[in-house]
Structure formats: structure tokens, C-alpha cells
N, C-alpha and C. Protein backbone atom coordinates (compact mmCIF):
# COMPACT_ATOMS: atom_id res chain seq x y z
N MET A 1 -8.94 14.04 -14.19
CA MET A 1 -7.57 13.55 -14.38
C MET A 1 -7.34 12.34 -13.50
N THR A 2 -6.40 11.53 -13.91
CA THR A 2 -6.06 10.36 -13.10
C THR A 2 -5.21 10.80 -11.91
N SER A 3 -5.17 9.95 -10.92
CA SER A 3 -4.42 10.22 -9.70
C SER A 3 -2.91 10.20 -9.97
N THR A 4 -2.19 11.06 -9.28
CA THR A 4 -0.73 11.06 -9.38
C THR A 4 -0.10 10.03 -8.44
N ARG A 5 -0.89 9.52 -7.48
CA ARG A 5 -0.36 8.61 -6.47
C ARG A 5 0.37 7.40 -7.04
N PRO A 6 -0.20 6.64 -7.99
CA PRO A 6 0.53 5.47 -8.48
C PRO A 6 1.84 5.83 -9.18
N TYR A 7 1.87 6.97 -9.85
CA TYR A 7 3.08 7.41 -10.54
C TYR A 7 4.17 7.79 -9.53
N LEU A 8 3.75 8.47 -8.47
CA LEU A 8 4.70 8.85 -7.42
C LEU A 8 5.22 7.62 -6.68
N ILE A 9 4.35 6.65 -6.43
CA ILE A 9 4.78 5.42 -5.75
C ILE A 9 5.83 4.72 -6.60
N ARG A 10 5.58 4.59 -7.90
CA ARG A 10 6.56 3.92 -8.78
C ARG A 10 7.87 4.68 -8.84
N ALA A 11 7.79 6.01 -8.94
CA ALA A 11 9.01 6.82 -9.01
C ALA A 11 9.82 6.72 -7.72
N LEU A 12 9.16 6.82 -6.59
CA LEU A 12 9.86 6.74 -5.31
C LEU A 12 10.40 5.34 -5.06
N PHE A 13 9.67 4.31 -5.47
CA PHE A 13 10.16 2.94 -5.37
C PHE A 13 11.48 2.81 -6.13
N GLU A 14 11.50 3.29 -7.37
CA GLU A 14 12.71 3.21 -8.19
C GLU A 14 13.86 4.01 -7.57
N TRP A 15 13.55 5.22 -7.09
CA TRP A 15 14.56 6.07 -6.47
C TRP A 15 15.16 5.41 -5.23
N ILE A 16 14.32 4.82 -4.39
CA ILE A 16 14.79 4.15 -3.17
C ILE A 16 15.68 2.97 -3.54
N GLU A 17 15.24 2.14 -4.50
CA GLU A 17 16.04 0.99 -4.91
C GLU A 17 17.34 1.42 -5.58
N ASP A 18 17.32 2.49 -6.40
CA ASP A 18 18.53 2.99 -7.04
C ASP A 18 19.57 3.43 -6.03
N ASN A 19 19.12 3.83 -4.86
CA ASN A 19 20.03 4.26 -3.80
C ASN A 19 20.38 3.12 -2.83
N ALA A 20 20.09 1.88 -3.25
CA ALA A 20 20.41 0.68 -2.48
C ALA A 20 19.79 0.69 -1.09
N LEU A 21 18.57 1.23 -1.00
CA LEU A 21 17.83 1.24 0.26
C LEU A 21 16.63 0.31 0.14
N THR A 22 15.88 0.14 1.22
CA THR A 22 14.77 -0.81 1.28
C THR A 22 13.44 -0.07 1.27
N PRO A 23 12.65 -0.21 0.18
CA PRO A 23 11.36 0.48 0.12
C PRO A 23 10.31 -0.19 1.00
N HIS A 24 9.60 0.61 1.76
CA HIS A 24 8.51 0.13 2.60
C HIS A 24 7.25 0.92 2.26
N LEU A 25 6.11 0.24 2.34
CA LEU A 25 4.82 0.89 2.18
C LEU A 25 4.11 0.91 3.52
N LEU A 26 3.49 2.04 3.86
CA LEU A 26 2.59 2.13 5.00
C LEU A 26 1.20 2.10 4.40
N VAL A 27 0.38 1.14 4.82
CA VAL A 27 -0.92 0.90 4.20
C VAL A 27 -2.02 0.99 5.25
N ASN A 28 -3.13 1.63 4.87
CA ASN A 28 -4.35 1.64 5.68
C ASN A 28 -4.98 0.26 5.50
N ALA A 29 -4.80 -0.61 6.45
CA ALA A 29 -5.27 -1.99 6.35
C ALA A 29 -6.79 -2.11 6.47
N GLU A 30 -7.47 -1.02 6.85
CA GLU A 30 -8.93 -1.04 6.97
C GLU A 30 -9.62 -0.56 5.70
N PHE A 31 -8.85 -0.15 4.71
CA PHE A 31 -9.41 0.33 3.44
C PHE A 31 -10.04 -0.84 2.69
N PRO A 32 -11.19 -0.65 2.07
CA PRO A 32 -11.83 -1.75 1.35
C PRO A 32 -10.93 -2.31 0.25
N GLY A 33 -10.87 -3.62 0.18
CA GLY A 33 -10.09 -4.29 -0.85
C GLY A 33 -8.69 -4.67 -0.44
N VAL A 34 -8.22 -4.17 0.71
CA VAL A 34 -6.87 -4.51 1.17
C VAL A 34 -6.84 -5.97 1.62
N GLU A 35 -5.93 -6.74 1.04
CA GLU A 35 -5.74 -8.14 1.42
C GLU A 35 -4.31 -8.32 1.88
N VAL A 36 -4.13 -8.32 3.21
CA VAL A 36 -2.83 -8.50 3.84
C VAL A 36 -3.02 -9.44 5.03
N PRO A 37 -1.92 -10.04 5.52
CA PRO A 37 -2.05 -10.91 6.70
C PRO A 37 -2.54 -10.11 7.92
N LYS A 38 -3.69 -10.50 8.43
CA LYS A 38 -4.34 -9.76 9.52
C LYS A 38 -3.49 -9.72 10.79
N GLN A 39 -2.71 -10.76 11.04
CA GLN A 39 -1.94 -10.83 12.29
C GLN A 39 -0.81 -9.79 12.34
N HIS A 40 -0.49 -9.15 11.21
CA HIS A 40 0.58 -8.15 11.18
C HIS A 40 0.04 -6.72 11.18
N ILE A 41 -1.26 -6.56 11.29
CA ILE A 41 -1.87 -5.22 11.32
C ILE A 41 -1.77 -4.65 12.74
N LYS A 42 -1.33 -3.40 12.82
CA LYS A 42 -1.26 -2.71 14.11
C LYS A 42 -1.93 -1.35 13.97
N GLU A 43 -2.92 -1.10 14.81
CA GLU A 43 -3.67 0.16 14.82
C GLU A 43 -4.24 0.47 13.43
N GLY A 44 -4.72 -0.56 12.75
CA GLY A 44 -5.37 -0.38 11.45
C GLY A 44 -4.42 -0.16 10.30
N ARG A 45 -3.13 -0.33 10.54
CA ARG A 45 -2.13 -0.10 9.51
C ARG A 45 -1.14 -1.25 9.45
N ILE A 46 -0.48 -1.36 8.31
CA ILE A 46 0.55 -2.38 8.15
C ILE A 46 1.69 -1.78 7.35
N VAL A 47 2.91 -2.14 7.73
CA VAL A 47 4.11 -1.72 7.01
C VAL A 47 4.61 -2.93 6.25
N LEU A 48 4.83 -2.75 4.94
CA LEU A 48 5.24 -3.85 4.08
C LEU A 48 6.56 -3.52 3.39
N ASN A 49 7.50 -4.45 3.49
CA ASN A 49 8.78 -4.35 2.79
C ASN A 49 8.53 -4.81 1.36
N ILE A 50 8.73 -3.92 0.37
CA ILE A 50 8.49 -4.31 -1.03
C ILE A 50 9.79 -4.37 -1.82
N ASN A 51 10.90 -4.58 -1.12
CA ASN A 51 12.19 -4.77 -1.77
C ASN A 51 12.14 -5.99 -2.67
N GLY A 52 12.84 -5.94 -3.79
CA GLY A 52 12.86 -7.05 -4.74
C GLY A 52 13.28 -8.38 -4.11
N ALA A 53 14.10 -8.34 -3.06
CA ALA A 53 14.54 -9.57 -2.40
C ALA A 53 13.47 -10.11 -1.44
N ALA A 54 12.49 -9.27 -1.08
CA ALA A 54 11.47 -9.67 -0.10
C ALA A 54 10.16 -10.12 -0.74
N VAL A 55 9.93 -9.72 -1.99
CA VAL A 55 8.65 -10.03 -2.64
C VAL A 55 8.90 -10.66 -4.01
N ARG A 56 7.86 -11.32 -4.52
CA ARG A 56 7.90 -11.88 -5.87
C ARG A 56 6.73 -11.30 -6.66
N ASP A 57 6.94 -11.18 -7.96
CA ASP A 57 5.87 -10.75 -8.87
C ASP A 57 5.25 -9.41 -8.47
N LEU A 58 6.09 -8.46 -8.08
CA LEU A 58 5.60 -7.14 -7.69
C LEU A 58 5.02 -6.41 -8.90
N GLN A 59 3.80 -5.94 -8.74
CA GLN A 59 3.13 -5.14 -9.78
C GLN A 59 2.66 -3.84 -9.13
N LEU A 60 3.24 -2.75 -9.58
CA LEU A 60 2.86 -1.43 -9.08
C LEU A 60 1.97 -0.79 -10.14
N GLY A 61 0.70 -1.16 -10.13
CA GLY A 61 -0.24 -0.70 -11.14
C GLY A 61 -0.85 0.65 -10.80
N ASN A 62 -1.73 1.13 -11.68
CA ASN A 62 -2.38 2.42 -11.45
C ASN A 62 -3.48 2.34 -10.41
N GLU A 63 -4.09 1.17 -10.24
CA GLU A 63 -5.17 1.03 -9.25
C GLU A 63 -4.83 0.05 -8.13
N TRP A 64 -3.95 -0.92 -8.41
CA TRP A 64 -3.64 -1.97 -7.44
C TRP A 64 -2.15 -2.19 -7.35
N ILE A 65 -1.68 -2.53 -6.14
CA ILE A 65 -0.32 -3.02 -5.91
C ILE A 65 -0.49 -4.47 -5.49
N GLU A 66 0.20 -5.35 -6.18
CA GLU A 66 0.06 -6.78 -5.92
C GLU A 66 1.44 -7.43 -5.87
N PHE A 67 1.59 -8.40 -5.00
CA PHE A 67 2.83 -9.17 -4.93
C PHE A 67 2.61 -10.41 -4.08
N ASN A 68 3.62 -11.26 -4.08
CA ASN A 68 3.62 -12.46 -3.26
C ASN A 68 4.79 -12.32 -2.30
N ALA A 69 4.55 -12.61 -1.02
CA ALA A 69 5.61 -12.51 -0.01
C ALA A 69 5.40 -13.58 1.04
N ARG A 70 6.44 -13.83 1.80
CA ARG A 70 6.36 -14.80 2.89
C ARG A 70 6.19 -14.04 4.20
N PHE A 71 5.23 -14.49 4.99
CA PHE A 71 4.97 -13.93 6.32
C PHE A 71 5.04 -15.10 7.28
N GLY A 72 6.04 -15.08 8.16
CA GLY A 72 6.21 -16.19 9.09
C GLY A 72 6.45 -17.50 8.35
N GLY A 73 7.09 -17.44 7.19
CA GLY A 73 7.40 -18.63 6.42
C GLY A 73 6.28 -19.11 5.51
N VAL A 74 5.14 -18.44 5.54
CA VAL A 74 3.99 -18.84 4.73
C VAL A 74 3.83 -17.87 3.56
N ALA A 75 3.80 -18.39 2.34
CA ALA A 75 3.63 -17.54 1.15
C ALA A 75 2.20 -17.01 1.11
N ARG A 76 2.09 -15.71 0.84
CA ARG A 76 0.78 -15.05 0.78
C ARG A 76 0.74 -14.12 -0.41
N ASN A 77 -0.42 -14.03 -1.05
CA ASN A 77 -0.65 -13.02 -2.07
C ASN A 77 -1.17 -11.78 -1.37
N VAL A 78 -0.63 -10.63 -1.75
CA VAL A 78 -1.01 -9.36 -1.14
C VAL A 78 -1.61 -8.48 -2.24
N HIS A 79 -2.77 -7.88 -1.95
CA HIS A 79 -3.46 -6.98 -2.89
C HIS A 79 -3.79 -5.69 -2.13
N ILE A 80 -3.35 -4.57 -2.68
CA ILE A 80 -3.55 -3.29 -2.02
C ILE A 80 -4.06 -2.28 -3.03
N PRO A 81 -5.22 -1.67 -2.81
CA PRO A 81 -5.62 -0.56 -3.68
C PRO A 81 -4.63 0.58 -3.50
N VAL A 82 -4.23 1.20 -4.57
CA VAL A 82 -3.27 2.31 -4.49
C VAL A 82 -3.77 3.39 -3.54
N SER A 83 -5.07 3.61 -3.49
CA SER A 83 -5.65 4.63 -2.59
C SER A 83 -5.44 4.31 -1.12
N ALA A 84 -5.11 3.05 -0.79
CA ALA A 84 -4.89 2.66 0.60
C ALA A 84 -3.46 2.93 1.06
N VAL A 85 -2.56 3.27 0.12
CA VAL A 85 -1.17 3.53 0.48
C VAL A 85 -1.09 4.90 1.14
N LEU A 86 -0.59 4.90 2.36
CA LEU A 86 -0.45 6.14 3.12
C LEU A 86 0.93 6.77 2.94
N ALA A 87 1.95 5.92 2.65
CA ALA A 87 3.31 6.43 2.48
C ALA A 87 4.18 5.38 1.82
N ILE A 88 5.23 5.83 1.16
CA ILE A 88 6.32 4.98 0.70
C ILE A 88 7.60 5.65 1.16
N TYR A 89 8.50 4.88 1.76
CA TYR A 89 9.72 5.46 2.32
C TYR A 89 10.81 4.41 2.41
N ALA A 90 12.05 4.88 2.57
CA ALA A 90 13.20 4.00 2.75
C ALA A 90 13.32 3.64 4.23
N ARG A 91 13.43 2.36 4.51
CA ARG A 91 13.53 1.91 5.90
C ARG A 91 14.75 2.51 6.60
N GLU A 92 15.86 2.61 5.90
CA GLU A 92 17.12 3.00 6.53
C GLU A 92 17.15 4.46 6.99
N ASN A 93 16.49 5.36 6.25
CA ASN A 93 16.59 6.77 6.63
C ASN A 93 15.23 7.49 6.70
N GLY A 94 14.15 6.79 6.38
CA GLY A 94 12.82 7.37 6.48
C GLY A 94 12.46 8.32 5.35
N GLN A 95 13.35 8.51 4.38
CA GLN A 95 13.05 9.43 3.28
C GLN A 95 12.03 8.82 2.33
N GLY A 96 11.08 9.62 1.91
CA GLY A 96 10.04 9.15 1.02
C GLY A 96 8.92 10.17 0.97
N MET A 97 7.68 9.67 0.88
CA MET A 97 6.54 10.57 0.76
C MET A 97 5.32 9.98 1.44
N ALA A 98 4.61 10.84 2.17
CA ALA A 98 3.32 10.46 2.76
C ALA A 98 2.23 11.05 1.88
N PHE A 99 1.09 10.37 1.81
CA PHE A 99 -0.02 10.80 0.98
C PHE A 99 -1.23 11.13 1.84
N GLY A 100 -1.97 12.15 1.45
CA GLY A 100 -3.23 12.48 2.09
C GLY A 100 -4.36 11.79 1.34
N GLU A 101 -5.59 12.06 1.76
CA GLU A 101 -6.75 11.52 1.05
C GLU A 101 -6.87 12.19 -0.29
N GLU A 102 -7.24 11.42 -1.31
CA GLU A 102 -7.43 11.98 -2.64
C GLU A 102 -8.81 12.58 -2.75
N GLN A 103 -8.92 13.71 -3.41
CA GLN A 103 -10.20 14.37 -3.62
C GLN A 103 -10.87 13.79 -4.86
N GLY A 104 -12.17 13.59 -4.78
CA GLY A 104 -12.93 13.15 -5.94
C GLY A 104 -12.73 11.70 -6.30
N SER A 105 -12.22 10.90 -5.39
CA SER A 105 -12.00 9.49 -5.68
C SER A 105 -12.83 8.64 -4.74
N ASP A 106 -13.57 7.74 -5.31
CA ASP A 106 -14.32 6.79 -4.49
C ASP A 106 -13.54 5.50 -4.31
N GLY A 107 -12.30 5.48 -4.75
CA GLY A 107 -11.48 4.28 -4.61
C GLY A 107 -11.33 3.58 -5.94
N PRO A 108 -10.58 2.49 -5.94
CA PRO A 108 -10.30 1.78 -7.18
C PRO A 108 -11.48 0.93 -7.60
N SER A 109 -11.47 0.57 -8.87
CA SER A 109 -12.47 -0.41 -9.30
C SER A 109 -12.05 -1.76 -8.74
N PRO A 110 -12.99 -2.66 -8.48
CA PRO A 110 -12.64 -3.92 -7.85
C PRO A 110 -11.74 -4.76 -8.75
N PRO A 111 -10.85 -5.57 -8.13
CA PRO A 111 -9.97 -6.41 -8.92
C PRO A 111 -10.77 -7.49 -9.63
N PRO A 112 -10.19 -8.09 -10.68
CA PRO A 112 -10.89 -9.18 -11.36
C PRO A 112 -11.24 -10.28 -10.37
N GLY A 113 -12.43 -10.82 -10.48
CA GLY A 113 -12.86 -11.91 -9.60
C GLY A 113 -13.53 -11.44 -8.33
N THR A 114 -13.69 -10.14 -8.15
CA THR A 114 -14.37 -9.63 -6.96
C THR A 114 -15.87 -9.85 -7.13
N PRO A 115 -16.52 -10.38 -6.09
CA PRO A 115 -17.96 -10.62 -6.20
C PRO A 115 -18.72 -9.33 -6.48
N PRO A 116 -19.75 -9.38 -7.34
CA PRO A 116 -20.55 -8.19 -7.59
C PRO A 116 -21.19 -7.70 -6.31
N GLY A 117 -21.35 -6.40 -6.21
CA GLY A 117 -21.98 -5.82 -5.02
C GLY A 117 -20.98 -5.47 -3.94
N THR A 118 -19.68 -5.81 -4.13
CA THR A 118 -18.66 -5.42 -3.17
C THR A 118 -18.32 -3.97 -3.43
N PRO A 119 -18.68 -3.06 -2.51
CA PRO A 119 -18.50 -1.64 -2.80
C PRO A 119 -17.05 -1.21 -2.66
N PRO A 120 -16.50 -0.56 -3.71
CA PRO A 120 -15.18 0.05 -3.54
C PRO A 120 -15.34 1.37 -2.82
N GLY A 121 -14.24 1.97 -2.41
CA GLY A 121 -14.33 3.32 -1.86
C GLY A 121 -13.87 3.39 -0.43
N LYS A 122 -14.38 4.40 0.23
CA LYS A 122 -13.92 4.69 1.58
C LYS A 122 -14.56 3.73 2.57
N PRO A 123 -13.79 3.35 3.62
CA PRO A 123 -14.34 2.44 4.61
C PRO A 123 -15.48 3.08 5.39
N ALA A 124 -16.41 2.24 5.81
CA ALA A 124 -17.53 2.71 6.63
C ALA A 124 -17.04 2.99 8.04
N GLY A 125 -17.83 3.67 8.80
CA GLY A 125 -17.49 3.87 10.20
C GLY A 125 -16.93 5.25 10.49
N GLY A 126 -17.22 6.22 9.68
CA GLY A 126 -16.79 7.58 9.98
C GLY A 126 -15.62 8.00 9.15
N PRO A 127 -15.09 9.19 9.43
CA PRO A 127 -14.01 9.74 8.63
C PRO A 127 -12.71 8.97 8.85
N GLN A 128 -11.89 8.98 7.81
CA GLN A 128 -10.59 8.31 7.91
C GLN A 128 -9.64 9.19 8.71
N ARG A 129 -8.69 8.53 9.39
CA ARG A 129 -7.67 9.27 10.10
C ARG A 129 -6.64 9.78 9.10
N LYS A 130 -6.04 10.92 9.42
CA LYS A 130 -4.99 11.43 8.55
C LYS A 130 -3.75 10.56 8.73
N PRO A 131 -2.99 10.36 7.64
CA PRO A 131 -1.79 9.53 7.75
C PRO A 131 -0.73 10.20 8.60
N THR A 132 0.00 9.39 9.33
CA THR A 132 1.12 9.86 10.12
C THR A 132 2.27 8.87 9.94
N LEU A 133 3.46 9.36 10.10
CA LEU A 133 4.64 8.50 10.03
C LEU A 133 5.29 8.45 11.40
N LYS A 134 5.78 7.29 11.76
CA LYS A 134 6.53 7.13 13.00
C LYS A 134 7.94 6.73 12.64
N ILE A 135 8.90 7.19 13.39
CA ILE A 135 10.28 6.76 13.18
C ILE A 135 10.44 5.44 13.93
N VAL A 136 10.84 4.42 13.18
CA VAL A 136 11.03 3.09 13.76
C VAL A 136 12.52 2.80 13.75
N LYS A 137 13.05 2.52 14.91
CA LYS A 137 14.50 2.26 15.01
C LYS A 137 14.75 0.79 15.23
């Protein structure tokens, strides 16, 4: 069966926006295929505001989340394998959902234009850490 993660991300994104709150993604920035601004990564993770006012061309696909956003005034394309998403939540109240590791998944297929031989899947270097959420005030 296909993963429920992309469906839950889309549903929670819509629910958060319907309640006039700001959706944020917590992403494992060390997961293969993640393309985010490196200077904003902290402890191997990055929090991204995916509110419609903060990003352009947001695509919440079954294997990839893609959008364009400005970081420090510089426009950047962001590509995130859905398997790298650790949580989606509302910035204002922290309500949302955290995700564990998926069973039986080696990760997404590579995006178009990825050089052959680039292995998808789990990052090298030992077991992944379990996701945790911190309250940010």
C-alpha cells in the first residue's frame, strides 16, 4: 500500500489554513534528497513556514514537497521528500502531527533530473533519530 504520510500532510495543511493559522513543517535536513538552505539547519533539522503568503508554487505531492521561498531576501527552490517530513503543525498553538519512520519504505524515487546512481532512502551513518517536537515561543 502507499504511504498515508502525504495524505495526512495535505489534510493537516488544509485544516491549519482553514483555521487561519500558519502551517510549519519540521524536516530531517539530513535525509537524502532534501534541498533546503543549509544555513538555516539546526541539529540536522529545519522548520519551514509553508503558509500561502510565505511560499510560491507549493506542491504537496505523494513523494515530494516542492516550493519557492525567500530566505534572507534570496529566492530559493526547496525540495523535500515526503519521507523526510517529521511533523506538520500550526505555529500559533503547536497542534498538528508528528510522524515516525515508515516501515517498508526505502524513500522516494529521485526527482526528475537527478543524476543516475544517486541512492534514495535512508541516510548513511547509523540509525535515524526519532522525531521530537519542541515548543518554540
